[in-house]
């Protein structure tokens, strides 16, 4: 396997990893809700949330920059908000020469807020996935009242992403073995490459269906009945309740500072 599900989870010895998975799920949800609820331009509150996530990452033994580096994967998706500085009305700070497009102050404010919200929300997800194994995460979602079918769909989606990624690598390796580029030969044209890509997509779809059936048969033969079963189910103790309450109080204070700044 070239894609391993255990690459996400980072086992460490610490109180963050020992928390009940429901506490970590609710904590990540609280952070994301706080980030998306803060008003535009609440830079101080955004900075406090960034500091909180970085400190939690350090306390979990992941390092100060772990979540910051991991969240950069979401920045290309945030580039969809690039037209906002040009489309938001307000005082212009810069005009594109020859085009007349004006970058406004309110547009920059809105764009920066969207960028920060996305970056911080993904950091919360990165911290959650690095400190909570997937089976515990799925069990926590089910314990919090998420429908059983939805939990099963999420679990299969996480697992099959890595299975399908490994299948793609096998197909690319097979193609490279059957069509090597020799010195002095011209590379295939764009039309040929497009035809090969279309053929590979169709073959990948069929192989994915076949492999998914084999994976499900293997799971069913091992006792899978539609939900994740843990050998030892976590239980909420006083420390878990105290950690959840402390995080909720901290985020409430940050929210208050952002609203009444």
Protein backbone atom coordinates (compact mmCIF):
# COMPACT_ATOMS: atom_id res chain seq x y z
CA UNK A 1 0.00 0.00 0.00
CA UNK A 2 1.30 3.42 -0.94
CA UNK A 3 -1.57 5.22 0.79
CA UNK A 4 -1.84 4.32 4.45
CA UNK A 5 -4.69 5.41 6.67
CA UNK A 6 -2.36 5.45 9.68
CA UNK A 7 -0.38 8.32 8.12
CA UNK A 8 -3.06 10.71 9.37
CA UNK A 9 -3.04 9.65 13.00
CA UNK A 10 0.13 10.55 14.92
CA UNK A 11 0.39 8.40 18.06
CA UNK A 12 1.83 10.29 21.02
CA UNK A 13 1.82 10.01 24.78
CA UNK A 14 -0.12 12.92 26.21
CA UNK A 15 -3.40 14.07 27.66
CA UNK A 16 -4.71 15.32 24.29
CA UNK A 17 -4.54 11.83 22.78
CA UNK A 18 -6.06 10.34 25.93
CA UNK A 19 -9.15 12.54 25.80
CA UNK A 20 -12.47 10.97 24.96
CA UNK A 21 -13.02 11.15 21.16
CA UNK A 22 -16.33 12.94 21.75
CA UNK A 23 -14.47 15.72 23.55
CA UNK A 24 -12.09 16.16 20.62
CA UNK A 25 -14.91 16.07 18.08
CA UNK A 26 -16.92 18.67 19.96
CA UNK A 27 -13.79 20.74 20.53
CA UNK A 28 -13.00 20.84 16.81
CA UNK A 29 -16.64 21.67 16.08
CA UNK A 30 -16.60 24.51 18.64
CA UNK A 31 -13.42 25.96 17.11
CA UNK A 32 -14.86 25.81 13.57
CA UNK A 33 -18.16 27.39 14.66
CA UNK A 34 -16.30 30.16 16.48
CA UNK A 35 -14.12 30.86 13.45
CA UNK A 36 -17.01 31.08 11.00
CA UNK A 37 -19.13 33.17 13.41
CA UNK A 38 -16.55 35.84 14.18
CA UNK A 39 -17.23 39.10 12.32
CA UNK A 40 -15.05 40.39 9.52
CA UNK A 41 -11.85 42.05 10.60
CA UNK A 42 -11.73 40.47 14.07
CA UNK A 43 -7.98 39.97 13.65
CA UNK A 44 -7.20 39.85 17.35
CA UNK A 45 -9.74 37.07 17.94
CA UNK A 46 -8.48 35.15 14.92
CA UNK A 47 -4.97 35.46 16.32
CA UNK A 48 -6.13 34.10 19.68
CA UNK A 49 -7.70 31.07 18.01
CA UNK A 50 -4.50 30.48 16.04
CA UNK A 51 -2.54 30.66 19.29
CA UNK A 52 -4.96 28.22 20.93
CA UNK A 53 -4.64 25.67 18.11
CA UNK A 54 -0.84 25.98 18.10
CA UNK A 55 -0.67 25.46 21.86
CA UNK A 56 -2.94 22.42 21.62
CA UNK A 57 -0.70 21.04 18.88
CA UNK A 58 2.33 21.56 21.10
CA UNK A 59 0.57 19.94 24.07
CA UNK A 60 -0.26 16.93 21.88
CA UNK A 61 3.43 16.47 21.07
CA UNK A 62 3.00 17.37 17.40
CA UNK A 63 5.07 20.54 17.42
CA UNK A 64 4.15 24.19 17.08
CA UNK A 65 4.01 24.23 13.27
CA UNK A 66 2.28 20.88 12.62
CA UNK A 67 -1.25 22.22 12.15
CA UNK A 68 -0.02 25.33 10.35
CA UNK A 69 1.82 23.26 7.74
CA UNK A 70 -1.02 20.78 7.40
CA UNK A 71 -3.60 23.51 6.81
CA UNK A 72 -1.81 24.95 3.79
CA UNK A 73 -3.46 22.25 1.70
CA UNK A 74 -6.71 24.23 1.93
CA UNK A 75 -5.28 27.51 0.64
CA UNK A 76 -5.59 26.61 -3.08
CA UNK A 77 -9.34 26.06 -2.55
CA UNK A 78 -9.56 29.48 -0.91
CA UNK A 79 -8.25 31.04 -4.12
CA UNK A 80 -11.81 30.80 -5.42
CA UNK A 81 -12.41 33.93 -3.33
CA UNK A 82 -9.89 36.00 -5.34
CA UNK A 83 -12.62 37.88 -7.29
CA UNK A 84 -14.09 39.19 -4.01
CA UNK A 85 -11.71 42.19 -3.68
CA UNK A 86 -12.76 43.30 -7.20
CA UNK A 87 -16.48 42.65 -6.81
CA UNK A 88 -17.11 44.21 -3.39
CA UNK A 89 -18.15 47.87 -3.56
CA UNK A 90 -16.21 50.40 -1.55
CA UNK A 91 -13.27 52.84 -1.68
CA UNK A 92 -10.66 51.69 -4.19
CA UNK A 93 -7.07 51.14 -3.06
CA UNK A 94 -5.69 49.94 -6.39
CA UNK A 95 -6.90 49.85 -9.99
CA UNK A 96 -5.63 47.28 -12.50
CA UNK A 97 -3.97 49.27 -15.31
CA UNK A 98 -5.74 48.95 -18.64
CA UNK A 99 -8.67 46.97 -17.23
CA UNK A 100 -10.24 49.38 -14.80
CA UNK A 101 -10.80 46.72 -12.15
CA UNK A 102 -10.67 48.27 -8.71
CA UNK A 103 -9.55 46.53 -5.52
CA UNK A 104 -11.61 47.91 -2.65
CA UNK A 105 -10.87 48.17 1.07
CA UNK A 106 -14.01 46.26 2.02
CA UNK A 107 -13.17 43.60 -0.57
CA UNK A 108 -9.70 43.07 0.89
CA UNK A 109 -11.19 42.89 4.37
CA UNK A 110 -13.69 40.27 3.28
CA UNK A 111 -11.10 38.28 1.34
CA UNK A 112 -8.67 38.23 4.27
CA UNK A 113 -11.40 37.12 6.65
CA UNK A 114 -12.46 34.25 4.37
CA UNK A 115 -8.83 33.17 4.00
CA UNK A 116 -8.28 33.16 7.77
CA UNK A 117 -11.53 31.35 8.48
CA UNK A 118 -10.67 28.59 6.02
CA UNK A 119 -7.11 28.24 7.29
CA UNK A 120 -8.07 28.08 10.96
CA UNK A 121 -10.98 25.69 10.40
CA UNK A 122 -8.73 23.28 8.52
CA UNK A 123 -6.17 23.50 11.31
CA UNK A 124 -8.82 22.30 13.76
CA UNK A 125 -9.55 19.35 11.47
CA UNK A 126 -5.84 18.54 11.11
CA UNK A 127 -5.41 18.55 14.88
CA UNK A 128 -8.44 16.29 15.31
CA UNK A 129 -7.28 13.76 12.72
CA UNK A 130 -3.74 13.70 14.11
CA UNK A 131 -4.83 12.97 17.68
CA UNK A 132 -7.83 10.65 17.11
CA UNK A 133 -7.75 7.29 15.30
CA UNK A 134 -10.41 6.89 12.63
CA UNK A 135 -12.30 4.06 14.42
CA UNK A 136 -12.56 6.19 17.57
CA UNK A 137 -13.65 9.17 15.51
CA UNK A 138 -16.42 7.17 13.86
CA UNK A 139 -17.50 5.76 17.21
CA UNK A 140 -17.58 9.29 18.64
CA UNK A 141 -19.76 10.54 15.79
CA UNK A 142 -22.20 7.69 16.37
CA UNK A 143 -22.22 8.35 20.13
CA UNK A 144 -22.99 12.02 19.53
CA UNK A 145 -26.17 11.09 17.67
CA UNK A 146 -25.07 11.14 14.03
CA UNK A 147 -27.20 8.69 11.99
CA UNK A 148 -25.71 5.24 11.70
CA UNK A 149 -25.94 5.25 7.90
CA UNK A 150 -24.10 8.57 7.64
CA UNK A 151 -21.33 7.32 9.96
CA UNK A 152 -20.96 4.21 7.78
CA UNK A 153 -20.74 6.34 4.62
CA UNK A 154 -18.05 8.55 6.19
CA UNK A 155 -16.07 5.50 7.28
CA UNK A 156 -16.20 3.90 3.83
CA UNK A 157 -15.27 7.18 2.18
CA UNK A 158 -12.15 7.55 4.35
CA UNK A 159 -11.06 3.97 3.75
CA UNK A 160 -11.77 3.84 0.02
CA UNK A 161 -9.90 7.05 -0.72
CA UNK A 162 -6.69 5.25 0.18
CA UNK A 163 -7.70 2.04 -1.56
CA UNK A 164 -8.51 3.91 -4.77
CA UNK A 165 -5.34 5.98 -4.51
CA UNK A 166 -3.30 2.79 -4.40
CA UNK A 167 -5.25 1.47 -7.40
CA UNK A 168 -4.38 4.60 -9.40
CA UNK A 169 -0.68 4.16 -8.63
CA UNK A 170 -0.82 0.56 -9.83
CA UNK A 171 -2.40 1.60 -13.12
CA UNK A 172 0.16 4.37 -13.65
CA UNK A 173 2.99 1.93 -12.95
CA UNK A 174 1.53 -0.56 -15.43
CA UNK A 175 1.21 2.13 -18.09
CA UNK A 176 4.80 3.27 -17.54
CA UNK A 177 6.02 -0.33 -17.85
CA UNK A 178 4.20 -0.83 -21.17
CA UNK A 179 5.07 2.50 -22.78
CA UNK A 180 8.61 3.50 -21.79
CA UNK A 181 10.14 6.61 -23.28
CA UNK A 182 13.28 5.59 -25.14
CA UNK A 183 16.07 8.03 -26.11
CA UNK A 184 15.61 9.43 -29.59
CA UNK A 185 11.90 8.71 -29.77
CA UNK A 186 9.23 11.38 -29.89
CA UNK A 187 6.79 11.62 -27.05
CA UNK A 188 3.17 10.62 -27.84
CA UNK A 189 0.90 13.42 -28.96
CA UNK A 190 -1.78 15.10 -26.91
CA UNK A 191 -4.54 13.22 -28.72
CA UNK A 192 -3.01 9.85 -27.87
CA UNK A 193 -2.50 10.88 -24.27
CA UNK A 194 -6.14 11.99 -24.06
CA UNK A 195 -7.33 8.66 -25.47
CA UNK A 196 -5.19 6.77 -22.96
CA UNK A 197 -6.48 8.92 -20.09
CA UNK A 198 -10.07 8.19 -21.09
CA UNK A 199 -9.36 4.47 -21.31
CA UNK A 200 -7.69 4.52 -17.90
CA UNK A 201 -10.63 6.33 -16.32
CA UNK A 202 -13.05 3.70 -17.60
CA UNK A 203 -10.79 0.88 -16.49
CA UNK A 204 -10.31 2.53 -13.11
CA UNK A 205 -14.07 2.74 -12.60
CA UNK A 206 -14.55 -0.96 -13.35
CA UNK A 207 -11.58 -2.03 -11.21
CA UNK A 208 -12.82 0.16 -8.36
CA UNK A 209 -16.22 -1.54 -8.37
CA UNK A 210 -14.61 -4.96 -8.43
CA UNK A 211 -12.17 -4.16 -5.65
CA UNK A 212 -14.88 -2.55 -3.50
CA UNK A 213 -16.86 -5.77 -3.66
CA UNK A 214 -13.81 -7.76 -2.57
CA UNK A 215 -13.13 -5.35 0.30
CA UNK A 216 -16.72 -5.49 1.50
CA UNK A 217 -16.75 -9.30 1.29
CA UNK A 218 -13.59 -9.39 3.39
CA UNK A 219 -15.16 -7.04 5.96
CA UNK A 220 -18.40 -9.05 6.10
CA UNK A 221 -16.46 -12.27 6.61
CA UNK A 222 -14.80 -10.66 9.62
CA UNK A 223 -18.07 -9.73 11.27
CA UNK A 224 -18.81 -6.25 9.90
CA UNK A 225 -22.47 -5.37 10.51
CA UNK A 226 -22.63 -1.75 9.40
CA UNK A 227 -20.89 0.00 12.28
CA UNK A 228 -17.50 0.29 13.93
CA UNK A 229 -17.07 -1.80 17.07
CA UNK A 230 -14.33 -0.92 19.54
CA UNK A 231 -12.88 -3.55 21.84
CA UNK A 232 -12.70 -0.96 24.62
CA UNK A 233 -15.21 1.88 24.47
CA UNK A 234 -14.06 5.20 25.96
CA UNK A 235 -16.01 6.83 28.77
CA UNK A 236 -16.27 10.45 29.85
CA UNK A 237 -14.60 11.19 33.16
CA UNK A 238 -14.18 14.40 35.13
CA UNK A 239 -11.04 15.39 33.25
CA UNK A 240 -12.86 15.09 29.90
CA UNK A 241 -15.77 17.22 31.10
CA UNK A 242 -13.36 19.80 32.56
CA UNK A 243 -11.36 20.01 29.30
CA UNK A 244 -14.53 20.45 27.25
CA UNK A 245 -15.86 23.12 29.61
CA UNK A 246 -12.53 25.00 29.62
CA UNK A 247 -12.40 25.02 25.82
CA UNK A 248 -16.01 26.22 25.58
CA UNK A 249 -15.34 29.04 28.07
CA UNK A 250 -12.17 30.08 26.22
CA UNK A 251 -13.91 30.18 22.85
CA UNK A 252 -16.84 32.10 24.34
CA UNK A 253 -14.40 34.72 25.63
CA UNK A 254 -12.74 34.93 22.22
CA UNK A 255 -16.14 35.31 20.56
CA UNK A 256 -17.08 38.09 22.99
CA UNK A 257 -13.86 39.94 22.26
CA UNK A 258 -14.46 39.63 18.52
CA UNK A 259 -18.05 40.90 18.68
CA UNK A 260 -17.51 43.75 21.17
CA UNK A 261 -14.13 44.87 19.89
